[in-house]
Amino acid sequence: MMPYSEVIRQLMIEKGLSQEKLARILHVNQTTVGQWLRGKKKPSYDNILAFYTEFGITPDELFGVAK
C-alpha cells in the first residue's frame, strides 16, 4: 500500500510535472502540493475530484485502498 504522498510524487514523475505545474492544473497553491508531498496535509474532496478528472486517479488509487 503506497501512501498518497508517494502516489502524487509518482504521478508528477510520470507526467513530468513540477509542484508549480501540478498546482496550476489542480487550482491549488504550490504550498498545498508541497504539504501533500510531505504528508502534512491530505487532498480535500474537491482536490480528490480534480485528481480523478485531470488524471483518472480514483480515490482508492490515491489513498492506496486495497480492493
N, C-alpha and C. Protein backbone atom coordinates (compact mmCIF):
# COMPACT_ATOMS: atom_id res chain seq x y z
N MET A 1 0.85 -1.18 0.00
CA MET A 1 0.00 0.00 0.00
C MET A 1 0.89 1.24 0.00
N MET A 2 0.72 2.08 -1.00
CA MET A 2 1.54 3.28 -1.15
C MET A 2 0.81 4.49 -0.55
N PRO A 3 1.50 5.30 0.26
CA PRO A 3 0.85 6.50 0.82
C PRO A 3 0.51 7.50 -0.29
N TYR A 4 -0.52 8.31 -0.04
CA TYR A 4 -0.96 9.29 -1.04
C TYR A 4 0.18 10.21 -1.48
N SER A 5 1.08 10.55 -0.57
CA SER A 5 2.19 11.43 -0.94
C SER A 5 3.05 10.79 -2.03
N GLU A 6 3.25 9.48 -1.92
CA GLU A 6 4.06 8.78 -2.92
C GLU A 6 3.30 8.62 -4.23
N VAL A 7 1.99 8.42 -4.17
CA VAL A 7 1.17 8.35 -5.39
C VAL A 7 1.28 9.67 -6.14
N ILE A 8 1.18 10.78 -5.43
CA ILE A 8 1.28 12.10 -6.06
C ILE A 8 2.67 12.30 -6.64
N ARG A 9 3.70 11.91 -5.89
CA ARG A 9 5.08 12.05 -6.37
C ARG A 9 5.29 11.25 -7.65
N GLN A 10 4.78 10.00 -7.68
CA GLN A 10 4.92 9.16 -8.87
C GLN A 10 4.19 9.77 -10.08
N LEU A 11 3.01 10.32 -9.82
CA LEU A 11 2.26 10.98 -10.89
C LEU A 11 3.07 12.13 -11.47
N MET A 12 3.67 12.93 -10.60
CA MET A 12 4.47 14.07 -11.05
C MET A 12 5.64 13.61 -11.91
N ILE A 13 6.29 12.53 -11.50
CA ILE A 13 7.42 11.99 -12.27
C ILE A 13 6.94 11.49 -13.62
N GLU A 14 5.87 10.69 -13.62
CA GLU A 14 5.35 10.12 -14.87
C GLU A 14 4.92 11.19 -15.86
N LYS A 15 4.32 12.26 -15.35
CA LYS A 15 3.80 13.33 -16.22
C LYS A 15 4.80 14.46 -16.43
N GLY A 16 5.94 14.40 -15.77
CA GLY A 16 6.95 15.46 -15.89
C GLY A 16 6.47 16.78 -15.32
N LEU A 17 5.78 16.72 -14.18
CA LEU A 17 5.20 17.92 -13.59
C LEU A 17 6.01 18.40 -12.40
N SER A 18 6.20 19.70 -12.33
CA SER A 18 6.76 20.32 -11.13
C SER A 18 5.63 20.56 -10.14
N GLN A 19 5.97 20.94 -8.92
CA GLN A 19 4.94 21.29 -7.96
C GLN A 19 4.09 22.45 -8.49
N GLU A 20 4.76 23.40 -9.10
CA GLU A 20 4.05 24.57 -9.64
C GLU A 20 3.06 24.17 -10.73
N LYS A 21 3.48 23.31 -11.65
CA LYS A 21 2.58 22.88 -12.73
C LYS A 21 1.40 22.09 -12.21
N LEU A 22 1.66 21.17 -11.26
CA LEU A 22 0.56 20.39 -10.69
C LEU A 22 -0.41 21.31 -9.97
N ALA A 23 0.11 22.28 -9.25
CA ALA A 23 -0.74 23.23 -8.53
C ALA A 23 -1.64 23.99 -9.50
N ARG A 24 -1.09 24.41 -10.63
CA ARG A 24 -1.89 25.14 -11.63
C ARG A 24 -2.99 24.25 -12.19
N ILE A 25 -2.66 23.01 -12.51
CA ILE A 25 -3.63 22.08 -13.08
C ILE A 25 -4.79 21.84 -12.12
N LEU A 26 -4.46 21.70 -10.82
CA LEU A 26 -5.48 21.36 -9.82
C LEU A 26 -6.09 22.60 -9.14
N HIS A 27 -5.62 23.77 -9.53
CA HIS A 27 -6.14 25.04 -8.98
C HIS A 27 -5.94 25.14 -7.47
N VAL A 28 -4.71 24.82 -7.04
CA VAL A 28 -4.33 24.97 -5.64
C VAL A 28 -3.01 25.74 -5.58
N ASN A 29 -2.59 26.11 -4.38
CA ASN A 29 -1.30 26.77 -4.20
C ASN A 29 -0.18 25.75 -4.27
N GLN A 30 0.99 26.20 -4.69
CA GLN A 30 2.16 25.32 -4.73
C GLN A 30 2.48 24.82 -3.32
N THR A 31 2.24 25.65 -2.32
CA THR A 31 2.45 25.26 -0.92
C THR A 31 1.61 24.04 -0.57
N THR A 32 0.38 23.99 -1.07
CA THR A 32 -0.51 22.86 -0.81
C THR A 32 0.08 21.58 -1.39
N VAL A 33 0.59 21.64 -2.60
CA VAL A 33 1.22 20.46 -3.21
C VAL A 33 2.40 20.01 -2.36
N GLY A 34 3.21 20.95 -1.91
CA GLY A 34 4.35 20.61 -1.05
C GLY A 34 3.91 19.92 0.23
N GLN A 35 2.81 20.39 0.81
CA GLN A 35 2.28 19.77 2.03
C GLN A 35 1.79 18.36 1.76
N TRP A 36 1.18 18.14 0.61
CA TRP A 36 0.76 16.78 0.23
C TRP A 36 1.98 15.87 0.13
N LEU A 37 3.02 16.36 -0.54
CA LEU A 37 4.21 15.54 -0.76
C LEU A 37 4.93 15.20 0.54
N ARG A 38 4.84 16.07 1.53
CA ARG A 38 5.45 15.81 2.84
C ARG A 38 4.51 15.06 3.78
N GLY A 39 3.28 14.81 3.33
CA GLY A 39 2.31 14.11 4.17
C GLY A 39 1.76 14.96 5.29
N LYS A 40 1.88 16.28 5.16
CA LYS A 40 1.40 17.21 6.20
C LYS A 40 -0.07 17.56 6.04
N LYS A 41 -0.58 17.36 4.83
CA LYS A 41 -1.97 17.72 4.53
C LYS A 41 -2.49 16.72 3.51
N LYS A 42 -3.75 16.29 3.68
CA LYS A 42 -4.37 15.39 2.71
C LYS A 42 -5.19 16.20 1.71
N PRO A 43 -5.29 15.72 0.47
CA PRO A 43 -6.13 16.41 -0.51
C PRO A 43 -7.58 16.47 -0.03
N SER A 44 -8.22 17.61 -0.28
CA SER A 44 -9.63 17.78 0.08
C SER A 44 -10.51 17.03 -0.91
N TYR A 45 -11.80 17.00 -0.62
CA TYR A 45 -12.76 16.35 -1.51
C TYR A 45 -12.66 16.94 -2.93
N ASP A 46 -12.62 18.27 -3.04
CA ASP A 46 -12.51 18.90 -4.36
C ASP A 46 -11.20 18.53 -5.05
N ASN A 47 -10.11 18.43 -4.29
CA ASN A 47 -8.83 18.04 -4.87
C ASN A 47 -8.86 16.61 -5.36
N ILE A 48 -9.52 15.73 -4.60
CA ILE A 48 -9.64 14.33 -5.00
C ILE A 48 -10.39 14.23 -6.32
N LEU A 49 -11.47 15.01 -6.45
CA LEU A 49 -12.22 15.03 -7.72
C LEU A 49 -11.35 15.55 -8.85
N ALA A 50 -10.53 16.56 -8.57
CA ALA A 50 -9.65 17.12 -9.59
C ALA A 50 -8.61 16.09 -10.04
N PHE A 51 -8.06 15.32 -9.10
CA PHE A 51 -7.11 14.26 -9.47
C PHE A 51 -7.78 13.26 -10.41
N TYR A 52 -9.02 12.91 -10.12
CA TYR A 52 -9.74 11.98 -10.97
C TYR A 52 -10.04 12.59 -12.34
N THR A 53 -10.55 13.82 -12.35
CA THR A 53 -10.92 14.49 -13.59
C THR A 53 -9.71 14.72 -14.49
N GLU A 54 -8.63 15.19 -13.92
CA GLU A 54 -7.44 15.54 -14.72
C GLU A 54 -6.56 14.35 -15.08
N PHE A 55 -6.49 13.36 -14.17
CA PHE A 55 -5.52 12.27 -14.37
C PHE A 55 -6.12 10.87 -14.32
N GLY A 56 -7.42 10.76 -14.02
CA GLY A 56 -8.05 9.45 -13.96
C GLY A 56 -7.67 8.63 -12.74
N ILE A 57 -7.14 9.29 -11.71
CA ILE A 57 -6.75 8.60 -10.48
C ILE A 57 -7.96 8.55 -9.56
N THR A 58 -8.41 7.34 -9.24
CA THR A 58 -9.57 7.19 -8.36
C THR A 58 -9.16 7.48 -6.92
N PRO A 59 -10.13 7.79 -6.06
CA PRO A 59 -9.81 7.97 -4.64
C PRO A 59 -9.13 6.74 -4.04
N ASP A 60 -9.57 5.54 -4.42
CA ASP A 60 -8.94 4.32 -3.93
C ASP A 60 -7.48 4.26 -4.32
N GLU A 61 -7.16 4.63 -5.55
CA GLU A 61 -5.78 4.63 -6.01
C GLU A 61 -4.96 5.70 -5.29
N LEU A 62 -5.56 6.86 -5.12
CA LEU A 62 -4.85 7.98 -4.48
C LEU A 62 -4.49 7.65 -3.04
N PHE A 63 -5.41 7.00 -2.33
CA PHE A 63 -5.17 6.72 -0.92
C PHE A 63 -4.76 5.28 -0.63
N GLY A 64 -4.47 4.52 -1.69
CA GLY A 64 -3.93 3.18 -1.53
C GLY A 64 -4.88 2.20 -0.86
N VAL A 65 -6.18 2.34 -1.14
CA VAL A 65 -7.15 1.43 -0.55
C VAL A 65 -7.11 0.11 -1.33
N ALA A 66 -6.86 -0.96 -0.59
CA ALA A 66 -6.81 -2.28 -1.22
C ALA A 66 -8.22 -2.76 -1.55
N LYS A 67 -8.33 -3.43 -2.67
CA LYS A 67 -9.64 -3.96 -3.08
C LYS A 67 -9.70 -5.43 -2.85
